[in-house]
Each structure stands twice: as C-alpha cells, then as structure tokens.
Full PDB file with SEQRES, HELIX, SHEET, SSBOND, CRYST1, ORIGX, SCALE, CONECT and MASTER records, all heavy atoms in Angstrom:
SEQRES   1 A   42  ARG LEU ALA GLY LEU ASP GLY LYS GLY LEU LYS GLY PRO          
SEQRES   2 A   42  HIS PRO VAL MET ILE GLU MET ASP GLU GLY GLN ASP ILE          
SEQRES   3 A   42  PRO GLU ALA ALA TYR MET GLU ILE ILE GLU THR ILE LYS          
SEQRES   4 A   42  VAL ASN ALA                                                  
HELIX    1 AA1 LYS A    8  LEU A   10  5                                   3    
HELIX    2 AA2 GLY A   23  ASP A   25  5                                   3    
HELIX    3 AA3 GLU A   28  ILE A   34  1                                   7    
CRYST1    1.000    1.000    1.000  90.00  90.00  90.00 P 1           1          
ORIGX1      1.000000  0.000000  0.000000        0.00000                         
ORIGX2      0.000000  1.000000  0.000000        0.00000                         
ORIGX3      0.000000  0.000000  1.000000        0.00000                         
SCALE1      1.000000  0.000000  0.000000        0.00000                         
SCALE2      0.000000  1.000000  0.000000        0.00000                         
SCALE3      0.000000  0.000000  1.000000        0.00000                         
ATOM      1  N   ARG A   1       5.197 -21.688  19.615  1.00  0.00           N  
ATOM      2  CA  ARG A   1       6.258 -20.998  18.882  1.00  0.00           C  
ATOM      3  C   ARG A   1       6.565 -19.671  19.576  1.00  0.00           C  
ATOM      4  O   ARG A   1       5.666 -18.990  20.072  1.00  0.00           O  
ATOM      5  CB  ARG A   1       5.851 -20.710  17.430  1.00  0.00           C  
ATOM      6  CG  ARG A   1       5.700 -21.932  16.552  1.00  0.00           C  
ATOM      7  CD  ARG A   1       7.038 -22.603  16.267  1.00  0.00           C  
ATOM      8  NE  ARG A   1       6.904 -23.677  15.301  1.00  0.00           N  
ATOM      9  CZ  ARG A   1       6.572 -24.928  15.602  1.00  0.00           C  
ATOM     10  NH1 ARG A   1       6.336 -25.260  16.867  1.00  0.00           N  
ATOM     11  NH2 ARG A   1       6.470 -25.842  14.663  1.00  0.00           N  
ATOM     12  N   LEU A   2       7.841 -19.303  19.551  1.00  0.00           N  
ATOM     13  CA  LEU A   2       8.262 -17.988  20.024  1.00  0.00           C  
ATOM     14  C   LEU A   2       8.306 -17.045  18.837  1.00  0.00           C  
ATOM     15  O   LEU A   2       8.820 -17.388  17.766  1.00  0.00           O  
ATOM     16  CB  LEU A   2       9.641 -18.080  20.679  1.00  0.00           C  
ATOM     17  CG  LEU A   2       9.761 -19.072  21.848  1.00  0.00           C  
ATOM     18  CD1 LEU A   2      11.184 -19.057  22.407  1.00  0.00           C  
ATOM     19  CD2 LEU A   2       8.758 -18.757  22.935  1.00  0.00           C  
ATOM     20  N   ALA A   3       7.762 -15.845  19.034  1.00  0.00           N  
ATOM     21  CA  ALA A   3       7.632 -14.913  17.911  1.00  0.00           C  
ATOM     22  C   ALA A   3       8.981 -14.481  17.357  1.00  0.00           C  
ATOM     23  O   ALA A   3       9.179 -14.431  16.147  1.00  0.00           O  
ATOM     24  CB  ALA A   3       6.824 -13.689  18.351  1.00  0.00           C  
ATOM     25  N   GLY A   4       9.923 -14.165  18.224  1.00  0.00           N  
ATOM     26  CA  GLY A   4      11.214 -13.671  17.761  1.00  0.00           C  
ATOM     27  C   GLY A   4      11.119 -12.236  17.258  1.00  0.00           C  
ATOM     28  O   GLY A   4      10.036 -11.713  16.989  1.00  0.00           O  
ATOM     29  N   LEU A   5      12.258 -11.574  17.125  1.00  0.00           N  
ATOM     30  CA  LEU A   5      12.272 -10.178  16.705  1.00  0.00           C  
ATOM     31  C   LEU A   5      11.843 -10.000  15.256  1.00  0.00           C  
ATOM     32  O   LEU A   5      11.266  -8.970  14.894  1.00  0.00           O  
ATOM     33  CB  LEU A   5      13.683  -9.598  16.906  1.00  0.00           C  
ATOM     34  CG  LEU A   5      14.163  -9.501  18.357  1.00  0.00           C  
ATOM     35  CD1 LEU A   5      15.593  -8.984  18.403  1.00  0.00           C  
ATOM     36  CD2 LEU A   5      13.242  -8.608  19.169  1.00  0.00           C  
ATOM     37  N   ASP A   6      12.123 -11.006  14.417  1.00  0.00           N  
ATOM     38  CA  ASP A   6      11.806 -10.872  12.999  1.00  0.00           C  
ATOM     39  C   ASP A   6      10.534 -11.616  12.602  1.00  0.00           C  
ATOM     40  O   ASP A   6      10.132 -11.588  11.437  1.00  0.00           O  
ATOM     41  CB  ASP A   6      12.973 -11.356  12.140  1.00  0.00           C  
ATOM     42  CG  ASP A   6      13.394 -12.788  12.454  1.00  0.00           C  
ATOM     43  OD1 ASP A   6      12.694 -13.459  13.264  1.00  0.00           O  
ATOM     44  OD2 ASP A   6      14.415 -13.242  11.914  1.00  0.00           O  
ATOM     45  N   GLY A   7       9.913 -12.301  13.533  1.00  0.00           N  
ATOM     46  CA  GLY A   7       8.676 -13.005  13.233  1.00  0.00           C  
ATOM     47  C   GLY A   7       8.848 -14.350  12.578  1.00  0.00           C  
ATOM     48  O   GLY A   7       7.859 -15.066  12.366  1.00  0.00           O  
ATOM     49  N   LYS A   8      10.056 -14.736  12.260  1.00  0.00           N  
ATOM     50  CA  LYS A   8      10.269 -15.993  11.538  1.00  0.00           C  
ATOM     51  C   LYS A   8       9.917 -17.216  12.378  1.00  0.00           C  
ATOM     52  O   LYS A   8       9.673 -18.289  11.848  1.00  0.00           O  
ATOM     53  CB  LYS A   8      11.718 -16.080  11.059  1.00  0.00           C  
ATOM     54  CG  LYS A   8      12.052 -15.057   9.973  1.00  0.00           C  
ATOM     55  CD  LYS A   8      13.488 -15.204   9.483  1.00  0.00           C  
ATOM     56  CE  LYS A   8      13.780 -14.198   8.374  1.00  0.00           C  
ATOM     57  NZ  LYS A   8      15.183 -14.292   7.891  1.00  0.00           N  
ATOM     58  N   GLY A   9       9.887 -17.044  13.686  1.00  0.00           N  
ATOM     59  CA  GLY A   9       9.538 -18.160  14.553  1.00  0.00           C  
ATOM     60  C   GLY A   9       8.106 -18.627  14.363  1.00  0.00           C  
ATOM     61  O   GLY A   9       7.756 -19.736  14.766  1.00  0.00           O  
ATOM     62  N   LEU A  10       7.263 -17.793  13.738  1.00  0.00           N  
ATOM     63  CA  LEU A  10       5.864 -18.149  13.535  1.00  0.00           C  
ATOM     64  C   LEU A  10       5.601 -18.696  12.140  1.00  0.00           C  
ATOM     65  O   LEU A  10       4.450 -18.982  11.796  1.00  0.00           O  
ATOM     66  CB  LEU A  10       4.978 -16.926  13.785  1.00  0.00           C  
ATOM     67  CG  LEU A  10       5.070 -16.339  15.202  1.00  0.00           C  
ATOM     68  CD1 LEU A  10       4.145 -15.152  15.347  1.00  0.00           C  
ATOM     69  CD2 LEU A  10       4.743 -17.398  16.247  1.00  0.00           C  
ATOM     70  N   LYS A  11       6.634 -18.843  11.342  1.00  0.00           N  
ATOM     71  CA  LYS A  11       6.456 -19.434  10.021  1.00  0.00           C  
ATOM     72  C   LYS A  11       6.277 -20.951  10.137  1.00  0.00           C  
ATOM     73  O   LYS A  11       6.831 -21.587  11.021  1.00  0.00           O  
ATOM     74  CB  LYS A  11       7.674 -19.140   9.133  1.00  0.00           C  
ATOM     75  CG  LYS A  11       7.742 -17.718   8.620  1.00  0.00           C  
ATOM     76  CD  LYS A  11       8.880 -17.551   7.638  1.00  0.00           C  
ATOM     77  CE  LYS A  11       8.866 -16.176   6.995  1.00  0.00           C  
ATOM     78  NZ  LYS A  11       9.953 -16.025   5.998  1.00  0.00           N  
ATOM     79  N   GLY A  12       5.524 -21.519   9.238  1.00  0.00           N  
ATOM     80  CA  GLY A  12       5.389 -22.972   9.184  1.00  0.00           C  
ATOM     81  C   GLY A  12       4.057 -23.497   9.631  1.00  0.00           C  
ATOM     82  O   GLY A  12       3.361 -24.166   8.861  1.00  0.00           O  
ATOM     83  N   PRO A  13       3.632 -23.252  10.889  1.00  0.00           N  
ATOM     84  CA  PRO A  13       2.350 -23.810  11.339  1.00  0.00           C  
ATOM     85  C   PRO A  13       1.168 -23.210  10.592  1.00  0.00           C  
ATOM     86  O   PRO A  13       1.195 -22.052  10.176  1.00  0.00           O  
ATOM     87  CB  PRO A  13       2.308 -23.418  12.820  1.00  0.00           C  
ATOM     88  CG  PRO A  13       3.716 -23.116  13.194  1.00  0.00           C  
ATOM     89  CD  PRO A  13       4.348 -22.567  11.973  1.00  0.00           C  
ATOM     90  N   HIS A  14       0.121 -24.012  10.415  1.00  0.00           N  
ATOM     91  CA  HIS A  14      -1.126 -23.523   9.818  1.00  0.00           C  
ATOM     92  C   HIS A  14      -2.278 -23.997  10.703  1.00  0.00           C  
ATOM     93  O   HIS A  14      -2.975 -24.956  10.388  1.00  0.00           O  
ATOM     94  CB  HIS A  14      -1.266 -24.031   8.390  1.00  0.00           C  
ATOM     95  CG  HIS A  14      -0.267 -23.410   7.459  1.00  0.00           C  
ATOM     96  ND1 HIS A  14      -0.415 -22.147   6.937  1.00  0.00           N  
ATOM     97  CD2 HIS A  14       0.918 -23.878   6.999  1.00  0.00           C  
ATOM     98  CE1 HIS A  14       0.619 -21.856   6.173  1.00  0.00           C  
ATOM     99  NE2 HIS A  14       1.448 -22.891   6.194  1.00  0.00           N  
ATOM    100  N   PRO A  15      -2.478 -23.301  11.817  1.00  0.00           N  
ATOM    101  CA  PRO A  15      -3.442 -23.754  12.812  1.00  0.00           C  
ATOM    102  C   PRO A  15      -4.866 -23.314  12.506  1.00  0.00           C  
ATOM    103  O   PRO A  15      -5.112 -22.414  11.704  1.00  0.00           O  
ATOM    104  CB  PRO A  15      -2.938 -23.071  14.089  1.00  0.00           C  
ATOM    105  CG  PRO A  15      -2.353 -21.786  13.581  1.00  0.00           C  
ATOM    106  CD  PRO A  15      -1.743 -22.105  12.248  1.00  0.00           C  
ATOM    107  N   VAL A  16      -5.792 -23.953  13.188  1.00  0.00           N  
ATOM    108  CA  VAL A  16      -7.186 -23.521  13.185  1.00  0.00           C  
ATOM    109  C   VAL A  16      -7.397 -22.469  14.273  1.00  0.00           C  
ATOM    110  O   VAL A  16      -8.207 -21.558  14.124  1.00  0.00           O  
ATOM    111  CB  VAL A  16      -8.117 -24.727  13.407  1.00  0.00           C  
ATOM    112  CG1 VAL A  16      -9.541 -24.280  13.730  1.00  0.00           C  
ATOM    113  CG2 VAL A  16      -8.110 -25.618  12.181  1.00  0.00           C  
ATOM    114  N   MET A  17      -6.644 -22.605  15.365  1.00  0.00           N  
ATOM    115  CA  MET A  17      -6.784 -21.694  16.489  1.00  0.00           C  
ATOM    116  C   MET A  17      -5.430 -21.141  16.886  1.00  0.00           C  
ATOM    117  O   MET A  17      -4.428 -21.868  16.881  1.00  0.00           O  
ATOM    118  CB  MET A  17      -7.423 -22.409  17.688  1.00  0.00           C  
ATOM    119  CG  MET A  17      -8.746 -23.080  17.373  1.00  0.00           C  
ATOM    120  SD  MET A  17      -9.298 -24.180  18.692  1.00  0.00           S  
ATOM    121  CE  MET A  17      -9.646 -22.983  19.960  1.00  0.00           C  
ATOM    122  N   ILE A  18      -5.399 -19.843  17.213  1.00  0.00           N  
ATOM    123  CA  ILE A  18      -4.175 -19.183  17.675  1.00  0.00           C  
ATOM    124  C   ILE A  18      -4.461 -18.498  19.007  1.00  0.00           C  
ATOM    125  O   ILE A  18      -5.443 -17.777  19.152  1.00  0.00           O  
ATOM    126  CB  ILE A  18      -3.666 -18.139  16.667  1.00  0.00           C  
ATOM    127  CG1 ILE A  18      -3.318 -18.793  15.331  1.00  0.00           C  
ATOM    128  CG2 ILE A  18      -2.444 -17.405  17.222  1.00  0.00           C  
ATOM    129  CD1 ILE A  18      -2.900 -17.808  14.262  1.00  0.00           C  
ATOM    130  N   GLU A  19      -3.600 -18.745  19.967  1.00  0.00           N  
ATOM    131  CA  GLU A  19      -3.626 -18.026  21.241  1.00  0.00           C  
ATOM    132  C   GLU A  19      -2.290 -17.297  21.380  1.00  0.00           C  
ATOM    133  O   GLU A  19      -1.237 -17.925  21.427  1.00  0.00           O  
ATOM    134  CB  GLU A  19      -3.809 -18.995  22.410  1.00  0.00           C  
ATOM    135  CG  GLU A  19      -5.098 -19.777  22.399  1.00  0.00           C  
ATOM    136  CD  GLU A  19      -6.285 -18.948  22.887  1.00  0.00           C  
ATOM    137  OE1 GLU A  19      -6.072 -17.888  23.483  1.00  0.00           O  
ATOM    138  OE2 GLU A  19      -7.430 -19.402  22.660  1.00  0.00           O  
ATOM    139  N   MET A  20      -2.344 -15.954  21.430  1.00  0.00           N  
ATOM    140  CA  MET A  20      -1.133 -15.150  21.585  1.00  0.00           C  
ATOM    141  C   MET A  20      -1.157 -14.500  22.965  1.00  0.00           C  
ATOM    142  O   MET A  20      -2.097 -13.789  23.307  1.00  0.00           O  
ATOM    143  CB  MET A  20      -1.054 -14.067  20.502  1.00  0.00           C  
ATOM    144  CG  MET A  20      -0.874 -14.619  19.102  1.00  0.00           C  
ATOM    145  SD  MET A  20      -0.869 -13.319  17.831  1.00  0.00           S  
ATOM    146  CE  MET A  20       0.632 -12.450  18.238  1.00  0.00           C  
ATOM    147  N   ASP A  21      -0.113 -14.753  23.750  1.00  0.00           N  
ATOM    148  CA  ASP A  21      -0.019 -14.140  25.070  1.00  0.00           C  
ATOM    149  C   ASP A  21       1.014 -13.026  25.043  1.00  0.00           C  
ATOM    150  O   ASP A  21       1.986 -13.081  24.273  1.00  0.00           O  
ATOM    151  CB  ASP A  21       0.368 -15.187  26.115  1.00  0.00           C  
ATOM    152  CG  ASP A  21       0.168 -14.665  27.526  1.00  0.00           C  
ATOM    153  OD1 ASP A  21      -0.820 -13.941  27.753  1.00  0.00           O  
ATOM    154  OD2 ASP A  21       0.984 -14.993  28.402  1.00  0.00           O  
ATOM    155  N   GLU A  22       0.824 -12.015  25.909  1.00  0.00           N  
ATOM    156  CA  GLU A  22       1.674 -10.828  25.946  1.00  0.00           C  
ATOM    157  C   GLU A  22       1.774 -10.224  24.543  1.00  0.00           C  
ATOM    158  O   GLU A  22       2.849  -9.897  24.043  1.00  0.00           O  
ATOM    159  CB  GLU A  22       3.069 -11.177  26.486  1.00  0.00           C  
ATOM    160  CG  GLU A  22       3.071 -11.775  27.875  1.00  0.00           C  
ATOM    161  CD  GLU A  22       2.582 -10.805  28.947  1.00  0.00           C  
ATOM    162  OE1 GLU A  22       2.548  -9.590  28.689  1.00  0.00           O  
ATOM    163  OE2 GLU A  22       2.218 -11.281  30.042  1.00  0.00           O  
ATOM    164  N   GLY A  23       0.608 -10.064  23.920  1.00  0.00           N  
ATOM    165  CA  GLY A  23       0.570  -9.598  22.536  1.00  0.00           C  
ATOM    166  C   GLY A  23       1.161  -8.223  22.329  1.00  0.00           C  
ATOM    167  O   GLY A  23       1.606  -7.896  21.219  1.00  0.00           O  
ATOM    168  N   GLN A  24       1.201  -7.402  23.387  1.00  0.00           N  
ATOM    169  CA  GLN A  24       1.760  -6.062  23.239  1.00  0.00           C  
ATOM    170  C   GLN A  24       3.265  -6.091  23.021  1.00  0.00           C  
ATOM    171  O   GLN A  24       3.848  -5.111  22.551  1.00  0.00           O  
ATOM    172  CB  GLN A  24       1.427  -5.210  24.474  1.00  0.00           C  
ATOM    173  CG  GLN A  24       2.244  -5.514  25.715  1.00  0.00           C  
ATOM    174  CD  GLN A  24       1.761  -6.728  26.478  1.00  0.00           C  
ATOM    175  OE1 GLN A  24       0.750  -7.333  26.118  1.00  0.00           O  
ATOM    176  NE2 GLN A  24       2.455  -7.100  27.543  1.00  0.00           N  
ATOM    177  N   ASP A  25       3.923  -7.210  23.355  1.00  0.00           N  
ATOM    178  CA  ASP A  25       5.373  -7.317  23.194  1.00  0.00           C  
ATOM    179  C   ASP A  25       5.775  -8.097  21.946  1.00  0.00           C  
ATOM    180  O   ASP A  25       6.968  -8.298  21.701  1.00  0.00           O  
ATOM    181  CB  ASP A  25       5.991  -7.982  24.429  1.00  0.00           C  
ATOM    182  CG  ASP A  25       5.846  -7.123  25.673  1.00  0.00           C  
ATOM    183  OD1 ASP A  25       5.861  -5.883  25.532  1.00  0.00           O  
ATOM    184  OD2 ASP A  25       5.704  -7.679  26.777  1.00  0.00           O  
ATOM    185  N   ILE A  26       4.812  -8.558  21.180  1.00  0.00           N  
ATOM    186  CA  ILE A  26       5.119  -9.269  19.944  1.00  0.00           C  
ATOM    187  C   ILE A  26       5.331  -8.257  18.829  1.00  0.00           C  
ATOM    188  O   ILE A  26       4.474  -7.394  18.599  1.00  0.00           O  
ATOM    189  CB  ILE A  26       3.995 -10.255  19.599  1.00  0.00           C  
ATOM    190  CG1 ILE A  26       3.981 -11.399  20.621  1.00  0.00           C  
ATOM    191  CG2 ILE A  26       4.143 -10.807  18.188  1.00  0.00           C  
ATOM    192  CD1 ILE A  26       2.909 -12.442  20.400  1.00  0.00           C  
ATOM    193  N   PRO A  27       6.460  -8.298  18.127  1.00  0.00           N  
ATOM    194  CA  PRO A  27       6.777  -7.270  17.127  1.00  0.00           C  
ATOM    195  C   PRO A  27       5.870  -7.338  15.906  1.00  0.00           C  
ATOM    196  O   PRO A  27       5.246  -8.378  15.633  1.00  0.00           O  
ATOM    197  CB  PRO A  27       8.230  -7.573  16.757  1.00  0.00           C  
ATOM    198  CG  PRO A  27       8.407  -9.027  17.073  1.00  0.00           C  
ATOM    199  CD  PRO A  27       7.534  -9.294  18.265  1.00  0.00           C  
ATOM    200  N   GLU A  28       5.809  -6.230  15.191  1.00  0.00           N  
ATOM    201  CA  GLU A  28       4.934  -6.153  14.027  1.00  0.00           C  
ATOM    202  C   GLU A  28       5.306  -7.184  12.973  1.00  0.00           C  
ATOM    203  O   GLU A  28       4.432  -7.724  12.292  1.00  0.00           O  
ATOM    204  CB  GLU A  28       4.986  -4.751  13.422  1.00  0.00           C  
ATOM    205  CG  GLU A  28       4.019  -4.566  12.264  1.00  0.00           C  
ATOM    206  CD  GLU A  28       3.828  -3.115  11.886  1.00  0.00           C  
ATOM    207  OE1 GLU A  28       4.223  -2.234  12.668  1.00  0.00           O  
ATOM    208  OE2 GLU A  28       3.263  -2.860  10.808  1.00  0.00           O  
ATOM    209  N   ALA A  29       6.603  -7.465  12.838  1.00  0.00           N  
ATOM    210  CA  ALA A  29       7.039  -8.459  11.851  1.00  0.00           C  
ATOM    211  C   ALA A  29       6.412  -9.817  12.135  1.00  0.00           C  
ATOM    212  O   ALA A  29       6.060 -10.560  11.210  1.00  0.00           O  
ATOM    213  CB  ALA A  29       8.561  -8.572  11.868  1.00  0.00           C  
ATOM    214  N   ALA A  30       6.239 -10.156  13.416  1.00  0.00           N  
ATOM    215  CA  ALA A  30       5.621 -11.426  13.774  1.00  0.00           C  
ATOM    216  C   ALA A  30       4.139 -11.426  13.430  1.00  0.00           C  
ATOM    217  O   ALA A  30       3.594 -12.434  12.964  1.00  0.00           O  
ATOM    218  CB  ALA A  30       5.821 -11.705  15.258  1.00  0.00           C  
ATOM    219  N   TYR A  31       3.475 -10.304  13.645  1.00  0.00           N  
ATOM    220  CA  TYR A  31       2.067 -10.201  13.258  1.00  0.00           C  
ATOM    221  C   TYR A  31       1.911 -10.396  11.753  1.00  0.00           C  
ATOM    222  O   TYR A  31       0.967 -11.046  11.285  1.00  0.00           O  
ATOM    223  CB  TYR A  31       1.501  -8.844  13.665  1.00  0.00           C  
ATOM    224  CG  TYR A  31       1.043  -8.764  15.101  1.00  0.00           C  
ATOM    225  CD1 TYR A  31       1.827  -8.162  16.071  1.00  0.00           C  
ATOM    226  CD2 TYR A  31      -0.181  -9.306  15.491  1.00  0.00           C  
ATOM    227  CE1 TYR A  31       1.402  -8.081  17.382  1.00  0.00           C  
ATOM    228  CE2 TYR A  31      -0.613  -9.235  16.805  1.00  0.00           C  
ATOM    229  CZ  TYR A  31       0.188  -8.621  17.750  1.00  0.00           C  
ATOM    230  OH  TYR A  31      -0.231  -8.552  19.057  1.00  0.00           O  
ATOM    231  N   MET A  32       2.813  -9.839  10.991  1.00  0.00           N  
ATOM    232  CA  MET A  32       2.733  -9.960   9.533  1.00  0.00           C  
ATOM    233  C   MET A  32       2.888 -11.420   9.094  1.00  0.00           C  
ATOM    234  O   MET A  32       2.284 -11.852   8.114  1.00  0.00           O  
ATOM    235  CB  MET A  32       3.823  -9.101   8.884  1.00  0.00           C  
ATOM    236  CG  MET A  32       3.650  -7.597   9.066  1.00  0.00           C  
ATOM    237  SD  MET A  32       2.116  -6.954   8.336  1.00  0.00           S  
ATOM    238  CE  MET A  32       1.077  -6.798   9.799  1.00  0.00           C  
ATOM    239  N   GLU A  33       3.690 -12.172   9.826  1.00  0.00           N  
ATOM    240  CA  GLU A  33       3.893 -13.573   9.480  1.00  0.00           C  
ATOM    241  C   GLU A  33       2.686 -14.431   9.858  1.00  0.00           C  
ATOM    242  O   GLU A  33       2.319 -15.359   9.146  1.00  0.00           O  
ATOM    243  CB  GLU A  33       5.142 -14.121  10.173  1.00  0.00           C  
ATOM    244  CG  GLU A  33       6.448 -13.549   9.668  1.00  0.00           C  
ATOM    245  CD  GLU A  33       6.742 -13.943   8.236  1.00  0.00           C  
ATOM    246  OE1 GLU A  33       6.148 -14.930   7.741  1.00  0.00           O  
ATOM    247  OE2 GLU A  33       7.558 -13.264   7.585  1.00  0.00           O  
ATOM    248  N   ILE A  34       2.053 -14.103  10.976  1.00  0.00           N  
ATOM    249  CA  ILE A  34       1.006 -14.979  11.498  1.00  0.00           C  
ATOM    250  C   ILE A  34      -0.329 -14.769  10.793  1.00  0.00           C  
ATOM    251  O   ILE A  34      -1.195 -15.646  10.821  1.00  0.00           O  
ATOM    252  CB  ILE A  34       0.862 -14.772  13.021  1.00  0.00           C  
ATOM    253  CG1 ILE A  34       0.299 -16.043  13.669  1.00  0.00           C  
ATOM    254  CG2 ILE A  34      -0.020 -13.566  13.358  1.00  0.00           C  
ATOM    255  CD1 ILE A  34       0.368 -16.036  15.180  1.00  0.00           C  
ATOM    256  N   ILE A  35      -0.531 -13.617  10.169  1.00  0.00           N  
ATOM    257  CA  ILE A  35      -1.816 -13.309   9.533  1.00  0.00           C  
ATOM    258  C   ILE A  35      -2.217 -14.388   8.534  1.00  0.00           C  
ATOM    259  O   ILE A  35      -3.372 -14.818   8.473  1.00  0.00           O  
ATOM    260  CB  ILE A  35      -1.769 -11.928   8.860  1.00  0.00           C  
ATOM    261  CG1 ILE A  35      -1.745 -10.822   9.925  1.00  0.00           C  
ATOM    262  CG2 ILE A  35      -2.972 -11.724   7.934  1.00  0.00           C  
ATOM    263  CD1 ILE A  35      -1.515  -9.442   9.365  1.00  0.00           C  
ATOM    264  N   GLU A  36      -1.269 -14.836   7.724  1.00  0.00           N  
ATOM    265  CA  GLU A  36      -1.573 -15.785   6.657  1.00  0.00           C  
ATOM    266  C   GLU A  36      -1.491 -17.237   7.098  1.00  0.00           C  
ATOM    267  O   GLU A  36      -1.713 -18.135   6.287  1.00  0.00           O  
ATOM    268  CB  GLU A  36      -0.621 -15.559   5.478  1.00  0.00           C  
ATOM    269  CG  GLU A  36      -0.742 -14.187   4.824  1.00  0.00           C  
ATOM    270  CD  GLU A  36      -2.132 -13.921   4.276  1.00  0.00           C  
ATOM    271  OE1 GLU A  36      -2.809 -14.889   3.879  1.00  0.00           O  
ATOM    272  OE2 GLU A  36      -2.554 -12.745   4.263  1.00  0.00           O  
ATOM    273  N   THR A  37      -1.164 -17.475   8.373  1.00  0.00           N  
ATOM    274  CA  THR A  37      -1.014 -18.868   8.795  1.00  0.00           C  
ATOM    275  C   THR A  37      -2.327 -19.494   9.234  1.00  0.00           C  
ATOM    276  O   THR A  37      -2.546 -20.685   9.029  1.00  0.00           O  
ATOM    277  CB  THR A  37       0.001 -18.980   9.953  1.00  0.00           C  
ATOM    278  OG1 THR A  37      -0.506 -18.290  11.092  1.00  0.00           O  
ATOM    279  CG2 THR A  37       1.344 -18.394   9.552  1.00  0.00           C  
ATOM    280  N   ILE A  38      -3.207 -18.706   9.859  1.00  0.00           N  
ATOM    281  CA  ILE A  38      -4.429 -19.279  10.408  1.00  0.00           C  
ATOM    282  C   ILE A  38      -5.405 -19.667   9.289  1.00  0.00           C  
ATOM    283  O   ILE A  38      -5.552 -18.955   8.296  1.00  0.00           O  
ATOM    284  CB  ILE A  38      -5.116 -18.306  11.392  1.00  0.00           C  
ATOM    285  CG1 ILE A  38      -6.308 -18.983  12.071  1.00  0.00           C  
ATOM    286  CG2 ILE A  38      -5.509 -17.010  10.713  1.00  0.00           C  
ATOM    287  CD1 ILE A  38      -6.896 -18.193  13.212  1.00  0.00           C  
ATOM    288  N   LYS A  39      -6.047 -20.802   9.451  1.00  0.00           N  
ATOM    289  CA  LYS A  39      -7.036 -21.281   8.475  1.00  0.00           C  
ATOM    290  C   LYS A  39      -8.374 -20.601   8.758  1.00  0.00           C  
ATOM    291  O   LYS A  39      -9.251 -21.140   9.441  1.00  0.00           O  
ATOM    292  CB  LYS A  39      -7.156 -22.799   8.548  1.00  0.00           C  
ATOM    293  CG  LYS A  39      -5.863 -23.526   8.187  1.00  0.00           C  
ATOM    294  CD  LYS A  39      -6.017 -25.033   8.302  1.00  0.00           C  
ATOM    295  CE  LYS A  39      -4.740 -25.752   7.903  1.00  0.00           C  
ATOM    296  NZ  LYS A  39      -4.871 -27.228   8.035  1.00  0.00           N  
ATOM    297  N   VAL A  40      -8.525 -19.402   8.219  1.00  0.00           N  
ATOM    298  CA  VAL A  40      -9.669 -18.555   8.576  1.00  0.00           C  
ATOM    299  C   VAL A  40     -11.007 -19.152   8.152  1.00  0.00           C  
ATOM    300  O   VAL A  40     -12.058 -18.807   8.705  1.00  0.00           O  
ATOM    301  CB  VAL A  40      -9.510 -17.147   7.959  1.00  0.00           C  
ATOM    302  CG1 VAL A  40      -8.324 -16.436   8.576  1.00  0.00           C  
ATOM    303  CG2 VAL A  40      -9.354 -17.236   6.441  1.00  0.00           C  
ATOM    304  N   ASN A  41     -11.012 -20.040   7.165  1.00  0.00           N  
ATOM    305  CA  ASN A  41     -12.269 -20.608   6.683  1.00  0.00           C  
ATOM    306  C   ASN A  41     -12.673 -21.886   7.404  1.00  0.00           C  
ATOM    307  O   ASN A  41     -13.727 -22.463   7.099  1.00  0.00           O  
ATOM    308  CB  ASN A  41     -12.169 -20.872   5.174  1.00  0.00           C  
ATOM    309  CG  ASN A  41     -12.019 -19.584   4.378  1.00  0.00           C  
ATOM    310  OD1 ASN A  41     -12.687 -18.588   4.673  1.00  0.00           O  
ATOM    311  ND2 ASN A  41     -11.139 -19.592   3.374  1.00  0.00           N  
ATOM    312  N   ALA A  42     -11.850 -22.314   8.353  1.00  0.00           N  
ATOM    313  CA  ALA A  42     -12.204 -23.506   9.129  1.00  0.00           C  
ATOM    314  C   ALA A  42     -13.384 -23.198  10.044  1.00  0.00           C  
ATOM    315  O   ALA A  42     -13.598 -22.057  10.459  1.00  0.00           O  
ATOM    316  CB  ALA A  42     -11.003 -23.977   9.943  1.00  0.00           C  
TER     317      ALA A  42                                                      
MASTER        0    0    0    3    0    0    0    6  316    1    0    4          
END                                                                             
C-alpha cells in the first residue's frame, strides 16, 4: 500500500507484520491510520 498524504491508502489491511520503507517521508496521518491495523496480539 502507498501511504498517501492523508493516510487513507493504509486503511483496510490487518496484517501480522508491517514493513515501512522511507518512514521519514510517511506523513503523520498515515501513521495514525496504521497504528490500529496491525494485529499486535498475534
């Protein structure tokens, strides 16, 4: 998924593992969206 300026590109998936590349260029809105997507208890 591409993060996008508003972070909406990261909505939907619920992965066990997340790999984010070029994390310094991903906007805060995208971080806010991805926090709740990962299955932290897996």
